[in-house]
Amino acid sequence: MAVLADRFGLDSQERRTKRSGRRLERALAFIRERAAGGYDLHELADAAHISQAQLVRLFKDALGTTPMAYVASQRIAAARCLLMAPLTKNQ
């Protein structure tokens, strides 16, 4: 019983949560490093060291969106900043 408690108890859940957090951070770092894009879901999942399905689940749980929708929103936000930059400098 003690072995099962050690293996599947609260500590196990905490380890899974930390592992998920590290994997999400790896994926987000990969996205930041390659802001221009040019990669697909498979490469992003490889960078996070998880399967594509796990990556999609992780992003939906943590960020409420799919990985590639997140990438698109980050690229749009960056483009918006670039477009607004000349306007703020002239004012």
C-alpha atoms as a PDB file:
ATOM      1  CA  MET A   1       0.000   0.000   0.000  1.00  0.00           C
ATOM      2  CA  ALA A   2       2.838   2.384   0.848  1.00  0.00           C
ATOM      3  CA  VAL A   3       4.427   1.764  -2.554  1.00  0.00           C
ATOM      4  CA  LEU A   4       1.177   2.669  -4.307  1.00  0.00           C
ATOM      5  CA  ALA A   5       0.781   5.785  -2.176  1.00  0.00           C
ATOM      6  CA  ASP A   6       4.324   6.836  -3.021  1.00  0.00           C
ATOM      7  CA  ARG A   7       3.858   6.179  -6.694  1.00  0.00           C
ATOM      8  CA  PHE A   8       0.407   7.666  -7.221  1.00  0.00           C
ATOM      9  CA  GLY A   9      -0.076  10.001  -4.273  1.00  0.00           C
ATOM     10  CA  LEU A  10       0.042  13.770  -4.012  1.00  0.00           C
ATOM     11  CA  ASP A  11       3.773  13.884  -4.637  1.00  0.00           C
ATOM     12  CA  SER A  12       3.161  12.125  -7.926  1.00  0.00           C
ATOM     13  CA  GLN A  13       0.590  14.767  -8.903  1.00  0.00           C
ATOM     14  CA  GLU A  14       3.003  17.546  -7.938  1.00  0.00           C
ATOM     15  CA  ARG A  15       5.723  15.955 -10.076  1.00  0.00           C
ATOM     16  CA  ARG A  16       3.341  15.742 -13.035  1.00  0.00           C
ATOM     17  CA  THR A  17       2.378  19.384 -12.593  1.00  0.00           C
ATOM     18  CA  LYS A  18       6.022  20.476 -12.471  1.00  0.00           C
ATOM     19  CA  ARG A  19       6.839  18.316 -15.492  1.00  0.00           C
ATOM     20  CA  SER A  20       3.939  19.849 -17.421  1.00  0.00           C
ATOM     21  CA  GLY A  21       5.123  23.315 -16.484  1.00  0.00           C
ATOM     22  CA  ARG A  22       8.633  22.576 -17.721  1.00  0.00           C
ATOM     23  CA  ARG A  23       7.272  21.181 -20.971  1.00  0.00           C
ATOM     24  CA  LEU A  24       5.086  24.226 -21.490  1.00  0.00           C
ATOM     25  CA  GLU A  25       8.072  26.493 -20.818  1.00  0.00           C
ATOM     26  CA  ARG A  26      10.148  24.572 -23.385  1.00  0.00           C
ATOM     27  CA  ALA A  27       7.400  24.992 -25.976  1.00  0.00           C
ATOM     28  CA  LEU A  28       6.994  28.700 -25.216  1.00  0.00           C
ATOM     29  CA  ALA A  29      10.762  29.237 -25.397  1.00  0.00           C
ATOM     30  CA  PHE A  30      10.817  27.482 -28.777  1.00  0.00           C
ATOM     31  CA  ILE A  31       8.033  29.788 -29.989  1.00  0.00           C
ATOM     32  CA  ARG A  32       9.873  32.901 -28.744  1.00  0.00           C
ATOM     33  CA  GLU A  33      13.159  31.808 -30.342  1.00  0.00           C
ATOM     34  CA  ARG A  34      11.458  31.232 -33.677  1.00  0.00           C
ATOM     35  CA  ALA A  35       9.074  34.162 -33.694  1.00  0.00           C
ATOM     36  CA  ALA A  36       9.100  34.324 -37.488  1.00  0.00           C
ATOM     37  CA  GLY A  37       7.575  30.848 -37.656  1.00  0.00           C
ATOM     38  CA  GLY A  38       8.609  28.228 -40.162  1.00  0.00           C
ATOM     39  CA  TYR A  39       7.863  25.212 -37.978  1.00  0.00           C
ATOM     40  CA  ASP A  40       4.953  22.881 -37.448  1.00  0.00           C
ATOM     41  CA  LEU A  41       3.213  21.190 -34.538  1.00  0.00           C
ATOM     42  CA  HIS A  42       5.495  18.157 -34.774  1.00  0.00           C
ATOM     43  CA  GLU A  43       8.641  20.281 -34.310  1.00  0.00           C
ATOM     44  CA  LEU A  44       7.057  22.193 -31.451  1.00  0.00           C
ATOM     45  CA  ALA A  45       6.079  18.951 -29.709  1.00  0.00           C
ATOM     46  CA  ASP A  46       9.614  17.613 -30.199  1.00  0.00           C
ATOM     47  CA  ALA A  47      11.029  20.750 -28.583  1.00  0.00           C
ATOM     48  CA  ALA A  48       8.762  20.192 -25.563  1.00  0.00           C
ATOM     49  CA  HIS A  49       9.626  16.454 -25.467  1.00  0.00           C
ATOM     50  CA  ILE A  50       5.995  15.333 -25.685  1.00  0.00           C
ATOM     51  CA  SER A  51       3.601  14.010 -28.298  1.00  0.00           C
ATOM     52  CA  GLN A  52       1.534  16.328 -30.442  1.00  0.00           C
ATOM     53  CA  ALA A  53      -1.675  15.255 -28.679  1.00  0.00           C
ATOM     54  CA  GLN A  54      -0.133  15.911 -25.263  1.00  0.00           C
ATOM     55  CA  LEU A  55       1.074  19.327 -26.436  1.00  0.00           C
ATOM     56  CA  VAL A  56      -2.400  20.298 -27.646  1.00  0.00           C
ATOM     57  CA  ARG A  57      -3.905  19.134 -24.349  1.00  0.00           C
ATOM     58  CA  LEU A  58      -1.251  21.003 -22.351  1.00  0.00           C
ATOM     59  CA  PHE A  59      -1.843  24.270 -24.216  1.00  0.00           C
ATOM     60  CA  LYS A  60      -5.624  23.969 -23.936  1.00  0.00           C
ATOM     61  CA  ASP A  61      -5.408  23.264 -20.206  1.00  0.00           C
ATOM     62  CA  ALA A  62      -2.849  25.973 -19.440  1.00  0.00           C
ATOM     63  CA  LEU A  63      -3.631  28.693 -21.993  1.00  0.00           C
ATOM     64  CA  GLY A  64      -7.104  27.880 -23.265  1.00  0.00           C
ATOM     65  CA  THR A  65      -6.021  27.596 -26.898  1.00  0.00           C
ATOM     66  CA  THR A  66      -4.207  25.283 -29.286  1.00  0.00           C
ATOM     67  CA  PRO A  67      -0.456  25.643 -29.809  1.00  0.00           C
ATOM     68  CA  MET A  68      -0.700  26.917 -33.371  1.00  0.00           C
ATOM     69  CA  ALA A  69      -3.513  29.344 -32.496  1.00  0.00           C
ATOM     70  CA  TYR A  70      -1.240  30.657 -29.730  1.00  0.00           C
ATOM     71  CA  VAL A  71       1.600  31.040 -32.240  1.00  0.00           C
ATOM     72  CA  ALA A  72      -0.693  32.939 -34.603  1.00  0.00           C
ATOM     73  CA  SER A  73      -1.865  35.267 -31.829  1.00  0.00           C
ATOM     74  CA  GLN A  74       1.741  35.980 -30.803  1.00  0.00           C
ATOM     75  CA  ARG A  75       2.718  36.772 -34.380  1.00  0.00           C
ATOM     76  CA  ILE A  76      -0.294  39.065 -34.780  1.00  0.00           C
ATOM     77  CA  ALA A  77       0.576  40.857 -31.533  1.00  0.00           C
ATOM     78  CA  ALA A  78       4.173  41.343 -32.717  1.00  0.00           C
ATOM     79  CA  ALA A  79       2.976  42.672 -36.076  1.00  0.00           C
ATOM     80  CA  ARG A  80       0.577  45.032 -34.326  1.00  0.00           C
ATOM     81  CA  CYS A  81       3.452  46.414 -32.237  1.00  0.00           C
ATOM     82  CA  LEU A  82       5.557  46.943 -35.358  1.00  0.00           C
ATOM     83  CA  LEU A  83       2.720  48.718 -37.116  1.00  0.00           C
ATOM     84  CA  MET A  84       2.023  50.966 -34.131  1.00  0.00           C
ATOM     85  CA  ALA A  85       5.664  51.839 -33.439  1.00  0.00           C
ATOM     86  CA  PRO A  86       6.005  54.552 -36.142  1.00  0.00           C
ATOM     87  CA  LEU A  87       2.775  56.172 -34.993  1.00  0.00           C
ATOM     88  CA  THR A  88       3.913  56.535 -31.396  1.00  0.00           C
ATOM     89  CA  LYS A  89       7.335  57.925 -32.401  1.00  0.00           C
ATOM     90  CA  ASN A  90       5.799  60.719 -34.528  1.00  0.00           C
ATOM     91  CA  GLN A  91       3.438  61.941 -31.825  1.00  0.00           C
END
